[in-house]
Amino acid sequence: MTTSPAGAVSVRDAAYDVLRRHGLTTIFSNPGSTEVSFLTDLPEDFAFVLGLHEGVVVGAATGWALAHDTPALVVVHTTAGLGNAVGALATARANRAPLVVLVGQQDRRHLACQPFLTGRLEGLAGDIPVQVESPVRPADVPGAIARAAHAADESRGPALVIVPMDDWEHAAETLPLPAPTSVRHSAAATPRDVADVAALVSLAASPVLIVGSGADRRDTWTALTSLAERLGCPVWQEPYGARAGFPQDHPSFAGHLPANRTRLRNLLDQHDLVLCIGAPFLRQYPYAPGPLTDTRVVVVTDDPAEARHSQAELAVVAPLPDFCDRLARRLHVRTERPQLEAHRATRPGPHPEGGPLTPQQVLAALGERLPSDTVVVEETPSSRPDLHALLPARAPLGFLSAAMGGLGFAIPAAIGVRMALPHRPVVAVVGDGSSLYQIQALWTAAHYGVGAVFVVLANGRYAIMDQLATQHGGKPPWPAFREISVSGLAESLGCAARRISDHADLCTTLDTVCQGLADRVDPLVLEVAVTTDGHFQP
C-alpha cells in the first residue's frame, strides 16, 4: 500500500477502493508517463488490458461495458491520449456505453508554467462526455471518481476525471466521500403514463411497433414480444440501430426500416399509429424534404435526450421493461390482425457457387452456421442490409454496431464483448477498409487470448464510398487498395489468419470454426475475398 509521508492512506489507494466499490477492476489503457504513478505496482485484484491505440482501448471498453451493462474503466494519457480517443468516445456516447475515463495530466506543482505534456483537457472532447471533472485538490480525486461512476451509469456515456500525475501520492482525507455510495432511480412506470399510451394504442385500427437499441434487454424483449402478439402488428427495427430491440426471428418481425425519408413515409403511412420503443423517432441518413410521417407517433424511451429529439405527439420517459410489461397486460388481444407476410423483409436470393464470392454468399454461409446466441458485431457499411436479412439477431446483444457510424469500432468492441462474456460466441463482420482503422486491436486479442472470430469482407476498396460517388453522378478520386493483405497484417500482430477465395473453402472453414465458437481461446481472422456490391440504398 502506498502511503503519504505522514503514514495516511494515499489518494491512489483511496481511489482503488472507490474503483473496487463500483466494480471497476479491469483497466483498459494505452498508458503514458502521466499515468505511471497510478499504474505501477497495480494491486493484484486489478487486471490491465493494453491496447495499441486509444481507439482500441475505448472500443474494447465499450464492448465490455455493453456486454456487462455496467461502467468500464479507461485510462488515457493527457492531450495525445484523450485526443486520439475522442472519436471512439463519441461512438461510446452514441452507443450509450457507460465509461469512467481517467485522463492523466502534468504534475500539479508546475502546471502554471505549462511544462511539456501539459494538457488543455477540460474541453478537448467537447460535449461528448456526460461529465468532466478536474478535482480542485488531490484529496478530491477519489470523490470525483465515485461521481464519475454514478454519472456514467446514470447518463449512459463516458465520464472524465482529469488527474495530475502527482495527485496519487498525496494523503487522502478520512472524511466520507462527497459522493453517494449508491444511487437509486424509480424502477416503475407510472399508471397514468401507461394508461395514456394504452388509450392511444387502443384507438388505433392499424398500429405499428418500432423498436430500437434501448430495448436490447432480455426482459424488454419478453415484454415487447407479448405486446406485439397482443396487437398482432408488424414490428420494425429503427434505421441504423446499433443493437436489436426485438427477436428478429419472431413471426411479427417485419425487418429494418429504411433511412430514406420518402421510403419511410410510404411505409409508415399505411398505419394510423406508430409506437416507437427504445429508439428516437427516427434516425435518418440522406436528407429529403417533407415530414417523416403524417401518422400519429408515440415514443417510449428511458433516455430523456432521446425523448426531447423525437417528433412525437407523446413522449414518455420510463424504465422500458416495466413499462412494456404493464402496457402489454393492459391491452386486449386483437381478434382482427393484419397480414404480416406483406411486410416481411425479403432475403437475398441464392447465388451460384461458382465464380468470385459475393458478400451475400459469405453472410448466408454464416447465417446457416452461427449459433443462435452469437454476438454479431457489424462494420461493413455496403453489405449491412444483407447482413440484417441473413444474420437476424436471435438473442439479446445478438447484434452490435457503432451508433454514430464512425469506423474503427467493430474489432476492438468484439474483443471487449468476448472478454466480458468469455463463453458466448462473438463474430465481427467487417469490411477490409473498416478493419484498417483499428487493425492493431488484433494484437490485444492475441496477447490476452480473446477467442473472437473476425470475418473480413475484402474487396480492396471503400465500396460504400464508390457507390455514393456514383449515385452523386461523379467519379471517385480515391484509389483502391488491393495491395493490402489483412490476413498478413493480422499474422504480423500475432493473430492467426487465413485468406479464403472460393465457396467450397468458405463452407469447409466455417463448418469447423462455427462448431467451436463458444470454446475458442484464440482469435482468428478470416479474410474473404469478395466482389463489390452494385447498389447501396439507405
Protein backbone atom coordinates (compact mmCIF):
# COMPACT_ATOMS: atom_id res chain seq x y z
CA MET A 1 0.00 0.00 0.00
CA THR A 2 1.22 3.45 -0.94
CA THR A 3 1.17 5.94 1.91
CA SER A 4 1.84 9.63 2.37
CA PRO A 5 4.84 10.76 4.44
CA ALA A 6 2.59 11.01 7.49
CA GLY A 7 1.51 7.39 7.09
CA ALA A 8 -2.05 8.18 5.95
CA VAL A 9 -3.73 6.29 3.11
CA SER A 10 -2.78 7.81 -0.22
CA VAL A 11 -5.12 9.25 -2.85
CA ARG A 12 -4.04 6.34 -5.07
CA ASP A 13 -5.14 3.67 -2.60
CA ALA A 14 -8.33 5.53 -1.75
CA ALA A 15 -9.07 5.73 -5.48
CA TYR A 16 -8.52 1.98 -5.86
CA ASP A 17 -11.02 1.41 -3.04
CA VAL A 18 -13.59 3.54 -4.87
CA LEU A 19 -12.96 1.63 -8.09
CA ARG A 20 -13.43 -1.69 -6.27
CA ARG A 21 -16.70 -0.45 -4.79
CA HIS A 22 -18.03 0.25 -8.29
CA GLY A 23 -16.71 -2.95 -9.86
CA LEU A 24 -14.12 -1.08 -11.95
CA THR A 25 -11.23 -3.51 -11.54
CA THR A 26 -10.38 -4.06 -15.23
CA ILE A 27 -8.33 -1.20 -16.70
CA PHE A 28 -8.29 -0.61 -20.48
CA SER A 29 -5.35 1.63 -21.33
CA ASN A 30 -2.57 2.77 -23.61
CA PRO A 31 -0.52 4.42 -20.85
CA GLY A 32 1.88 7.33 -20.85
CA SER A 33 4.22 8.95 -18.37
CA THR A 34 1.47 10.92 -16.60
CA GLU A 35 -0.22 7.63 -15.60
CA VAL A 36 2.83 5.72 -14.37
CA SER A 37 2.40 6.75 -10.73
CA PHE A 38 -1.15 5.39 -10.76
CA LEU A 39 -0.49 2.13 -12.63
CA THR A 40 2.88 0.94 -11.30
CA ASP A 41 2.58 -1.97 -8.84
CA LEU A 42 -1.07 -2.47 -9.74
CA PRO A 43 -2.99 -4.24 -6.96
CA GLU A 44 -3.36 -7.97 -7.60
CA ASP A 45 -7.16 -7.81 -7.80
CA PHE A 46 -6.97 -5.40 -10.76
CA ALA A 47 -6.48 -6.53 -14.37
CA PHE A 48 -4.73 -4.43 -17.02
CA VAL A 49 -5.66 -4.67 -20.72
CA LEU A 50 -3.27 -2.98 -23.15
CA GLY A 51 -4.45 -1.54 -26.44
CA LEU A 52 -2.00 -0.23 -29.04
CA HIS A 53 -4.10 2.87 -29.76
CA GLU A 54 -6.65 4.78 -27.72
CA GLY A 55 -9.36 3.93 -30.26
CA VAL A 56 -8.72 0.27 -29.46
CA VAL A 57 -8.74 0.99 -25.72
CA VAL A 58 -12.06 2.84 -25.74
CA GLY A 59 -13.61 0.45 -28.28
CA ALA A 60 -12.77 -2.61 -26.20
CA ALA A 61 -14.02 -0.90 -23.03
CA THR A 62 -17.22 -0.01 -24.87
CA GLY A 63 -17.79 -3.64 -25.81
CA TRP A 64 -17.06 -4.70 -22.23
CA ALA A 65 -19.48 -2.10 -20.80
CA LEU A 66 -22.28 -3.00 -23.21
CA ALA A 67 -21.86 -6.72 -22.54
CA HIS A 68 -21.87 -6.28 -18.75
CA ASP A 69 -24.35 -3.36 -18.76
CA THR A 70 -22.12 -1.66 -16.17
CA PRO A 71 -19.40 1.01 -16.42
CA ALA A 72 -15.94 0.09 -17.68
CA LEU A 73 -12.68 1.85 -16.73
CA VAL A 74 -10.38 3.58 -19.24
CA VAL A 75 -7.06 5.31 -18.54
CA VAL A 76 -5.60 7.61 -21.22
CA HIS A 77 -2.57 9.87 -21.48
CA THR A 78 -3.05 13.65 -21.35
CA THR A 79 -3.66 15.54 -24.66
CA ALA A 80 -2.37 12.91 -27.07
CA GLY A 81 -4.29 10.06 -25.44
CA LEU A 82 -7.56 11.89 -24.99
CA GLY A 83 -7.28 13.43 -28.44
CA ASN A 84 -6.79 10.02 -30.04
CA ALA A 85 -9.73 8.67 -28.04
CA VAL A 86 -12.29 11.36 -28.91
CA GLY A 87 -13.78 9.60 -31.95
CA ALA A 88 -14.19 6.35 -30.02
CA LEU A 89 -15.64 8.26 -27.05
CA ALA A 90 -18.22 9.78 -29.40
CA THR A 91 -19.17 6.28 -30.51
CA ALA A 92 -19.41 5.15 -26.87
CA ARG A 93 -21.73 8.08 -26.11
CA ALA A 94 -23.94 7.30 -29.11
CA ASN A 95 -23.99 3.62 -28.13
CA ARG A 96 -24.91 4.59 -24.56
CA ALA A 97 -21.91 2.79 -23.14
CA PRO A 98 -21.05 3.84 -19.55
CA LEU A 99 -17.31 4.55 -19.21
CA VAL A 100 -15.20 6.06 -16.44
CA VAL A 101 -12.22 7.69 -18.12
CA LEU A 102 -9.20 8.77 -16.07
CA VAL A 103 -7.10 11.27 -18.03
CA GLY A 104 -3.51 11.88 -16.95
CA GLN A 105 -2.25 15.45 -16.55
CA GLN A 106 1.16 17.01 -15.84
CA ASP A 107 2.39 17.49 -12.29
CA ARG A 108 0.10 19.92 -10.45
CA ARG A 109 3.07 21.70 -8.83
CA HIS A 110 4.18 23.35 -12.05
CA LEU A 111 1.06 23.35 -14.21
CA ALA A 112 1.04 27.15 -14.04
CA CYS A 113 4.28 27.13 -16.03
CA GLN A 114 2.74 24.92 -18.75
CA PRO A 115 5.53 22.33 -18.87
CA PHE A 116 5.88 19.66 -21.57
CA LEU A 117 2.80 17.35 -21.69
CA THR A 118 0.51 19.92 -20.07
CA GLY A 119 -2.94 19.21 -21.46
CA ARG A 120 -5.77 21.63 -22.14
CA LEU A 121 -8.11 18.80 -21.35
CA GLU A 122 -11.41 20.08 -20.00
CA GLY A 123 -12.84 20.98 -23.40
CA LEU A 124 -10.83 18.66 -25.61
CA ALA A 125 -13.64 16.12 -26.01
CA GLY A 126 -16.25 18.86 -26.44
CA ASP A 127 -19.72 17.96 -25.22
CA ILE A 128 -19.24 14.24 -25.83
CA PRO A 129 -18.63 13.27 -22.17
CA VAL A 130 -21.63 13.14 -19.87
CA GLN A 131 -19.41 14.76 -17.22
CA VAL A 132 -15.89 16.22 -16.99
CA GLU A 133 -14.30 16.97 -13.63
CA SER A 134 -10.90 18.41 -12.73
CA PRO A 135 -10.55 17.97 -8.95
CA VAL A 136 -9.53 21.18 -7.20
CA ARG A 137 -7.27 19.32 -4.70
CA PRO A 138 -5.55 15.93 -4.81
CA ALA A 139 -7.76 14.79 -1.92
CA ASP A 140 -10.80 15.41 -4.14
CA VAL A 141 -9.79 12.73 -6.68
CA PRO A 142 -11.48 9.67 -5.05
CA GLY A 143 -14.79 11.51 -4.72
CA ALA A 144 -14.56 12.69 -8.33
CA ILE A 145 -14.09 9.09 -9.47
CA ALA A 146 -17.13 8.00 -7.46
CA ARG A 147 -19.22 10.77 -9.01
CA ALA A 148 -17.97 9.81 -12.48
CA ALA A 149 -19.08 6.20 -11.91
CA HIS A 150 -22.57 7.38 -10.99
CA ALA A 151 -22.70 9.84 -13.92
CA ALA A 152 -21.56 7.21 -16.44
CA ASP A 153 -24.09 4.71 -15.16
CA GLU A 154 -27.00 7.15 -14.98
CA SER A 155 -26.36 9.08 -18.20
CA ARG A 156 -25.01 6.09 -20.20
CA GLY A 157 -21.86 7.61 -21.57
CA PRO A 158 -18.22 8.47 -20.81
CA ALA A 159 -17.49 10.48 -17.65
CA LEU A 160 -13.99 12.00 -17.44
CA VAL A 161 -11.81 12.72 -14.41
CA ILE A 162 -8.57 14.65 -15.08
CA VAL A 163 -5.85 13.77 -12.58
CA PRO A 164 -2.42 15.46 -12.31
CA MET A 165 0.30 12.82 -12.02
CA ASP A 166 1.49 13.82 -8.54
CA ASP A 167 -2.01 13.73 -7.01
CA TRP A 168 -1.87 9.97 -6.46
CA GLU A 169 0.88 10.21 -3.82
CA HIS A 170 -0.87 12.82 -1.64
CA ALA A 171 -2.72 11.89 1.52
CA ALA A 172 -6.40 11.10 1.18
CA GLU A 173 -8.94 12.56 3.56
CA THR A 174 -10.53 10.43 6.24
CA LEU A 175 -13.83 12.27 5.76
CA PRO A 176 -16.69 10.49 3.97
CA LEU A 177 -16.52 10.76 0.18
CA PRO A 178 -18.53 13.68 -1.26
CA ALA A 179 -20.48 11.19 -3.38
CA PRO A 180 -23.23 8.66 -2.60
CA THR A 181 -22.35 5.02 -2.11
CA SER A 182 -25.30 4.04 -4.29
CA VAL A 183 -27.90 5.89 -6.34
CA ARG A 184 -31.41 4.57 -6.81
CA HIS A 185 -33.83 5.59 -9.52
CA SER A 186 -37.51 4.94 -9.90
CA ALA A 187 -37.91 1.42 -11.26
CA ALA A 188 -41.58 1.58 -12.20
CA ALA A 189 -43.67 3.24 -14.86
CA THR A 190 -46.47 5.45 -13.60
CA PRO A 191 -50.05 4.11 -14.04
CA ARG A 192 -51.09 7.38 -15.68
CA ASP A 193 -48.41 7.17 -18.39
CA VAL A 194 -49.24 3.54 -19.11
CA ALA A 195 -52.97 4.37 -19.30
CA ASP A 196 -52.41 7.30 -21.68
CA VAL A 197 -50.31 5.24 -24.09
CA ALA A 198 -52.72 2.30 -23.86
CA ALA A 199 -55.63 4.60 -24.73
CA LEU A 200 -53.90 5.86 -27.87
CA VAL A 201 -52.96 2.33 -28.93
CA SER A 202 -56.49 1.02 -28.32
CA LEU A 203 -57.94 3.72 -30.58
CA ALA A 204 -55.68 2.75 -33.48
CA ALA A 205 -57.05 0.44 -36.15
CA SER A 206 -53.63 -0.34 -37.64
CA PRO A 207 -50.77 0.33 -35.23
CA VAL A 208 -47.13 -0.43 -35.96
CA LEU A 209 -44.40 -1.08 -33.42
CA ILE A 210 -40.87 0.29 -33.93
CA VAL A 211 -38.10 -0.90 -31.63
CA GLY A 212 -34.59 0.39 -31.10
CA SER A 213 -31.28 -0.14 -29.38
CA GLY A 214 -32.63 0.92 -26.00
CA ALA A 215 -34.88 -2.16 -25.95
CA ASP A 216 -31.98 -4.64 -26.23
CA ARG A 217 -32.50 -6.42 -22.92
CA ARG A 218 -33.92 -9.85 -22.27
CA ASP A 219 -36.75 -8.59 -20.04
CA THR A 220 -37.67 -5.88 -22.56
CA TRP A 221 -37.66 -8.42 -25.41
CA THR A 222 -40.04 -10.62 -23.40
CA ALA A 223 -42.43 -7.73 -22.73
CA LEU A 224 -42.29 -6.47 -26.32
CA THR A 225 -42.97 -9.96 -27.67
CA SER A 226 -46.10 -10.13 -25.55
CA LEU A 227 -47.10 -6.63 -26.67
CA ALA A 228 -46.61 -7.43 -30.38
CA GLU A 229 -48.58 -10.67 -30.09
CA ARG A 230 -51.48 -8.90 -28.37
CA LEU A 231 -51.55 -6.16 -31.02
CA GLY A 232 -51.00 -8.52 -33.95
CA CYS A 233 -48.98 -5.77 -35.60
CA PRO A 234 -45.70 -5.72 -37.52
CA VAL A 235 -42.53 -4.87 -35.62
CA TRP A 236 -39.78 -2.90 -37.35
CA GLN A 237 -36.25 -2.16 -36.20
CA GLU A 238 -35.21 1.50 -36.19
CA PRO A 239 -32.99 2.66 -39.09
CA TYR A 240 -29.27 2.38 -38.36
CA GLY A 241 -29.92 0.85 -34.96
CA ALA A 242 -26.77 -0.09 -33.07
CA ARG A 243 -28.47 -3.01 -31.31
CA ALA A 244 -31.51 -5.21 -31.90
CA GLY A 245 -34.65 -4.28 -29.97
CA PHE A 246 -36.69 -7.40 -30.72
CA PRO A 247 -36.11 -11.08 -31.65
CA GLN A 248 -35.61 -10.89 -35.38
CA ASP A 249 -36.69 -14.49 -35.98
CA HIS A 250 -40.12 -13.82 -34.44
CA PRO A 251 -43.12 -14.04 -36.85
CA SER A 252 -44.07 -10.43 -36.06
CA PHE A 253 -40.67 -9.04 -37.06
CA ALA A 254 -41.00 -7.19 -40.37
CA GLY A 255 -37.45 -6.00 -40.97
CA HIS A 256 -35.32 -2.86 -40.73
CA LEU A 257 -36.82 0.50 -41.57
CA PRO A 258 -35.22 2.47 -44.40
CA ALA A 259 -33.26 5.59 -43.53
CA ASN A 260 -34.66 7.35 -46.60
CA ARG A 261 -37.45 9.77 -45.74
CA THR A 262 -39.61 9.07 -48.79
CA ARG A 263 -39.47 5.29 -48.40
CA LEU A 264 -40.02 5.59 -44.65
CA ARG A 265 -43.06 7.81 -45.13
CA ASN A 266 -44.62 5.44 -47.69
CA LEU A 267 -44.23 2.53 -45.29
CA LEU A 268 -45.46 4.19 -42.11
CA ASP A 269 -48.40 5.97 -43.73
CA GLN A 270 -50.07 2.55 -44.05
CA HIS A 271 -50.67 2.78 -40.29
CA ASP A 272 -52.63 5.15 -38.06
CA LEU A 273 -50.32 4.95 -35.02
CA VAL A 274 -46.57 4.49 -34.62
CA LEU A 275 -45.47 3.23 -31.20
CA CYS A 276 -41.70 3.71 -31.01
CA ILE A 277 -39.93 2.00 -28.08
CA GLY A 278 -36.26 2.40 -27.17
CA ALA A 279 -35.42 4.50 -30.22
CA PRO A 280 -35.53 8.13 -31.33
CA PHE A 281 -38.11 8.95 -33.94
CA LEU A 282 -36.48 8.39 -36.36
CA ARG A 283 -32.81 8.35 -37.35
CA GLN A 284 -32.24 9.38 -40.99
CA TYR A 285 -29.24 9.41 -43.33
CA PRO A 286 -29.76 11.38 -46.57
CA TYR A 287 -31.98 14.44 -46.36
CA ALA A 288 -35.28 14.57 -48.23
CA PRO A 289 -37.98 17.24 -47.92
CA GLY A 290 -41.25 16.64 -46.15
CA PRO A 291 -42.27 15.17 -42.80
CA LEU A 292 -41.11 11.78 -41.59
CA THR A 293 -44.72 10.64 -41.45
CA ASP A 294 -48.24 12.03 -41.17
CA THR A 295 -49.14 9.21 -38.77
CA ARG A 296 -49.62 9.80 -35.03
CA VAL A 297 -46.45 8.98 -33.11
CA VAL A 298 -45.89 7.88 -29.51
CA VAL A 299 -42.35 7.42 -28.17
CA VAL A 300 -41.42 5.47 -25.04
CA THR A 301 -37.77 5.63 -24.01
CA ASP A 302 -35.55 5.58 -20.93
CA ASP A 303 -33.34 8.31 -22.43
CA PRO A 304 -34.53 11.89 -21.73
CA ALA A 305 -32.39 13.32 -24.54
CA GLU A 306 -33.87 10.80 -26.97
CA ALA A 307 -37.36 11.91 -25.96
CA ARG A 308 -36.51 15.58 -26.43
CA HIS A 309 -35.36 14.97 -30.03
CA SER A 310 -38.37 12.92 -31.09
CA GLN A 311 -41.11 14.31 -33.32
CA ALA A 312 -43.97 12.76 -31.40
CA GLU A 313 -47.44 13.56 -30.10
CA LEU A 314 -46.49 11.99 -26.79
CA ALA A 315 -43.08 11.00 -25.41
CA VAL A 316 -42.79 9.04 -22.17
CA VAL A 317 -39.53 8.57 -20.27
CA ALA A 318 -39.71 5.41 -18.18
CA PRO A 319 -37.90 2.11 -17.48
CA LEU A 320 -38.67 0.07 -20.60
CA PRO A 321 -39.10 -3.48 -19.23
CA ASP A 322 -41.61 -2.38 -16.61
CA PHE A 323 -43.49 -0.01 -18.93
CA CYS A 324 -43.77 -2.51 -21.80
CA ASP A 325 -44.90 -5.27 -19.45
CA ARG A 326 -47.59 -3.07 -17.88
CA LEU A 327 -48.73 -1.83 -21.31
CA ALA A 328 -48.99 -5.36 -22.72
CA ARG A 329 -51.06 -6.56 -19.75
CA ARG A 330 -53.39 -3.57 -20.07
CA LEU A 331 -54.23 -4.15 -23.76
CA HIS A 332 -56.69 -6.75 -25.03
CA VAL A 333 -55.71 -9.33 -27.61
CA ARG A 334 -56.82 -8.15 -31.04
CA THR A 335 -59.01 -10.53 -32.99
CA GLU A 336 -58.53 -8.79 -36.34
CA ARG A 337 -54.89 -8.99 -37.39
CA PRO A 338 -53.14 -7.65 -40.49
CA GLN A 339 -51.33 -9.94 -42.88
CA LEU A 340 -47.73 -9.64 -41.68
CA GLU A 341 -46.26 -11.50 -44.64
CA ALA A 342 -46.86 -8.45 -46.82
CA HIS A 343 -44.45 -6.53 -44.61
CA ARG A 344 -41.76 -9.16 -44.22
CA ALA A 345 -38.31 -8.17 -45.41
CA THR A 346 -37.09 -10.14 -48.42
CA ARG A 347 -33.93 -12.19 -48.12
CA PRO A 348 -31.40 -12.05 -50.96
CA GLY A 349 -31.79 -14.94 -53.37
CA PRO A 350 -29.20 -17.70 -53.68
CA HIS A 351 -26.01 -17.03 -55.58
CA PRO A 352 -24.27 -19.58 -57.78
CA GLU A 353 -21.37 -21.32 -56.08
CA GLY A 354 -19.01 -20.83 -59.00
CA GLY A 355 -17.06 -17.65 -59.69
CA PRO A 356 -15.94 -14.99 -57.22
CA LEU A 357 -17.58 -14.90 -53.81
CA THR A 358 -20.22 -12.27 -53.13
CA PRO A 359 -20.84 -10.70 -49.72
CA GLN A 360 -24.29 -12.31 -49.74
CA GLN A 361 -22.76 -15.79 -50.12
CA VAL A 362 -20.48 -15.19 -47.15
CA LEU A 363 -23.28 -13.82 -44.97
CA ALA A 364 -25.64 -16.63 -45.97
CA ALA A 365 -22.99 -19.22 -45.08
CA LEU A 366 -22.52 -17.56 -41.69
CA GLY A 367 -26.25 -17.36 -41.11
CA GLU A 368 -26.63 -21.10 -41.71
CA ARG A 369 -23.91 -21.98 -39.21
CA LEU A 370 -23.70 -19.45 -36.38
CA PRO A 371 -25.19 -20.48 -33.02
CA SER A 372 -28.34 -18.59 -32.06
CA ASP A 373 -26.63 -16.82 -29.15
CA THR A 374 -23.76 -15.40 -31.25
CA VAL A 375 -22.96 -11.71 -30.81
CA VAL A 376 -22.51 -10.34 -34.33
CA VAL A 377 -20.53 -7.09 -34.31
CA GLU A 378 -21.02 -5.29 -37.62
CA GLU A 379 -18.92 -2.81 -39.56
CA THR A 380 -19.49 -3.48 -43.25
CA PRO A 381 -21.49 -0.47 -44.49
CA SER A 382 -22.05 -1.57 -48.09
CA SER A 383 -23.33 -5.02 -47.01
CA ARG A 384 -25.29 -4.07 -43.90
CA PRO A 385 -28.79 -4.57 -45.40
CA ASP A 386 -27.84 -8.10 -46.49
CA LEU A 387 -26.33 -8.79 -43.07
CA HIS A 388 -29.61 -7.81 -41.41
CA ALA A 389 -31.55 -10.11 -43.71
CA LEU A 390 -29.20 -13.09 -43.46
CA LEU A 391 -27.94 -12.82 -39.85
CA PRO A 392 -31.02 -11.93 -37.76
CA ALA A 393 -30.44 -11.23 -34.08
CA ARG A 394 -31.98 -14.15 -32.19
CA ALA A 395 -30.88 -13.28 -28.65
CA PRO A 396 -30.33 -10.03 -26.73
CA LEU A 397 -26.99 -8.45 -27.67
CA GLY A 398 -27.15 -10.56 -30.81
CA PHE A 399 -26.29 -7.55 -32.95
CA LEU A 400 -23.94 -4.69 -32.13
CA SER A 401 -22.76 -1.81 -34.28
CA ALA A 402 -21.46 1.75 -33.94
CA ALA A 403 -24.42 4.04 -33.31
CA MET A 404 -22.74 7.11 -34.80
CA GLY A 405 -21.33 5.50 -37.94
CA GLY A 406 -17.63 6.11 -37.30
CA LEU A 407 -15.28 3.35 -38.45
CA GLY A 408 -12.85 1.50 -36.19
CA PHE A 409 -15.45 0.20 -33.72
CA ALA A 410 -16.11 -3.44 -34.56
CA ILE A 411 -12.75 -5.14 -33.98
CA PRO A 412 -12.00 -3.65 -30.54
CA ALA A 413 -15.66 -3.83 -29.49
CA ALA A 414 -15.79 -7.53 -30.37
CA ILE A 415 -12.69 -8.05 -28.23
CA GLY A 416 -14.28 -6.26 -25.28
CA VAL A 417 -17.55 -8.20 -25.61
CA ARG A 418 -15.74 -11.53 -25.73
CA MET A 419 -13.59 -10.60 -22.71
CA ALA A 420 -16.75 -9.71 -20.80
CA LEU A 421 -18.68 -12.80 -22.00
CA PRO A 422 -15.98 -15.46 -22.42
CA HIS A 423 -18.47 -18.29 -23.02
CA ARG A 424 -20.62 -16.54 -25.62
CA PRO A 425 -19.71 -16.78 -29.34
CA VAL A 426 -18.56 -13.45 -30.80
CA VAL A 427 -18.09 -12.83 -34.54
CA ALA A 428 -17.19 -9.47 -36.06
CA VAL A 429 -18.17 -8.98 -39.70
CA VAL A 430 -16.04 -6.16 -41.03
CA GLY A 431 -15.14 -4.63 -44.38
CA ASP A 432 -11.46 -4.55 -45.18
CA GLY A 433 -11.49 -0.75 -45.30
CA SER A 434 -13.18 -0.63 -41.89
CA SER A 435 -10.73 -3.13 -40.41
CA LEU A 436 -7.76 -0.91 -41.15
CA TYR A 437 -8.94 1.80 -38.77
CA GLN A 438 -8.09 -0.28 -35.68
CA ILE A 439 -6.31 -3.33 -37.06
CA GLN A 440 -3.77 -3.11 -34.22
CA ALA A 441 -6.54 -4.28 -31.87
CA LEU A 442 -5.77 -7.80 -33.08
CA TRP A 443 -2.56 -7.71 -31.02
CA THR A 444 -4.64 -7.23 -27.87
CA ALA A 445 -6.90 -10.13 -28.88
CA ALA A 446 -3.91 -12.40 -29.49
CA HIS A 447 -1.97 -11.36 -26.39
CA TYR A 448 -4.90 -11.86 -24.00
CA GLY A 449 -6.28 -15.00 -25.66
CA VAL A 450 -9.60 -13.49 -26.73
CA GLY A 451 -11.43 -16.12 -28.76
CA ALA A 452 -13.41 -13.89 -31.12
CA VAL A 453 -13.57 -14.54 -34.88
CA PHE A 454 -13.18 -11.67 -37.34
CA VAL A 455 -14.67 -12.19 -40.80
CA VAL A 456 -13.24 -9.52 -43.10
CA LEU A 457 -15.07 -8.98 -46.39
CA ALA A 458 -12.17 -7.91 -48.59
CA ASN A 459 -12.91 -6.14 -51.86
CA GLY A 460 -9.82 -3.94 -51.77
CA ARG A 461 -11.63 -0.63 -51.79
CA TYR A 462 -14.05 1.66 -49.98
CA ALA A 463 -17.07 0.16 -51.74
CA ILE A 464 -19.66 2.24 -49.93
CA MET A 465 -17.88 5.47 -50.89
CA ASP A 466 -17.56 4.34 -54.52
CA GLN A 467 -21.30 3.67 -54.65
CA LEU A 468 -22.19 7.01 -53.07
CA ALA A 469 -19.96 8.83 -55.54
CA THR A 470 -21.62 7.02 -58.43
CA GLN A 471 -25.08 7.90 -57.09
CA HIS A 472 -23.89 11.50 -56.87
CA GLY A 473 -23.17 11.35 -60.59
CA GLY A 474 -19.38 11.56 -60.46
CA LYS A 475 -16.17 9.59 -60.38
CA PRO A 476 -14.47 8.95 -57.02
CA PRO A 477 -10.95 10.40 -56.76
CA TRP A 478 -9.72 7.88 -54.17
CA PRO A 479 -7.87 4.76 -55.30
CA ALA A 480 -8.44 1.12 -54.45
CA PHE A 481 -6.03 -0.55 -52.01
CA ARG A 482 -5.84 -4.12 -53.28
CA GLU A 483 -2.17 -4.37 -52.29
CA ILE A 484 -3.09 -4.63 -48.61
CA SER A 485 -3.29 -8.09 -47.05
CA VAL A 486 -5.47 -8.05 -43.95
CA SER A 487 -4.53 -11.64 -43.15
CA GLY A 488 -0.86 -10.70 -43.46
CA LEU A 489 -1.32 -7.76 -41.13
CA ALA A 490 -3.16 -9.99 -38.66
CA GLU A 491 -0.36 -12.55 -38.64
CA SER A 492 2.22 -9.82 -38.10
CA LEU A 493 0.27 -8.84 -34.98
CA GLY A 494 0.36 -12.40 -33.64
CA CYS A 495 -3.19 -13.31 -34.68
CA ALA A 496 -3.93 -16.50 -36.64
CA ALA A 497 -5.42 -15.76 -40.05
CA ARG A 498 -6.25 -17.28 -43.40
CA ARG A 499 -7.45 -15.95 -46.73
CA ILE A 500 -10.47 -17.53 -48.46
CA SER A 501 -11.40 -17.02 -52.10
CA ASP A 502 -13.83 -19.79 -53.09
CA HIS A 503 -17.16 -21.09 -51.84
CA ALA A 504 -16.06 -24.63 -51.01
CA ASP A 505 -13.17 -23.38 -48.86
CA LEU A 506 -15.51 -20.91 -47.15
CA CYS A 507 -18.03 -23.59 -46.21
CA THR A 508 -15.41 -26.07 -45.05
CA THR A 509 -13.70 -23.44 -42.91
CA LEU A 510 -16.93 -22.19 -41.36
CA ASP A 511 -18.10 -25.74 -40.64
CA THR A 512 -15.02 -26.19 -38.49
CA VAL A 513 -14.84 -22.73 -36.94
CA CYS A 514 -18.52 -22.33 -36.04
CA GLN A 515 -18.70 -25.65 -34.19
CA GLY A 516 -16.26 -24.45 -31.55
CA LEU A 517 -17.04 -20.74 -31.34
CA ALA A 518 -18.06 -20.70 -27.69
CA ASP A 519 -14.91 -22.55 -26.61
CA ARG A 520 -12.30 -20.63 -28.60
CA VAL A 521 -9.34 -19.32 -26.64
CA ASP A 522 -7.51 -17.64 -29.52
CA PRO A 523 -8.68 -15.08 -32.07
CA LEU A 524 -8.95 -15.89 -35.77
CA VAL A 525 -9.14 -13.63 -38.82
CA LEU A 526 -10.85 -14.94 -41.95
CA GLU A 527 -10.08 -12.60 -44.83
CA VAL A 528 -12.65 -13.48 -47.50
CA ALA A 529 -12.14 -12.08 -50.99
CA VAL A 530 -15.49 -10.78 -52.27
CA THR A 531 -16.87 -8.81 -55.17
CA THR A 532 -18.20 -5.30 -54.65
CA ASP A 533 -21.92 -4.79 -54.15
CA GLY A 534 -23.53 -2.98 -57.02
CA HIS A 535 -26.01 -0.74 -55.24
CA PHE A 536 -26.46 0.95 -51.89
CA GLN A 537 -29.86 2.14 -50.69
CA PRO A 538 -30.15 3.62 -47.17
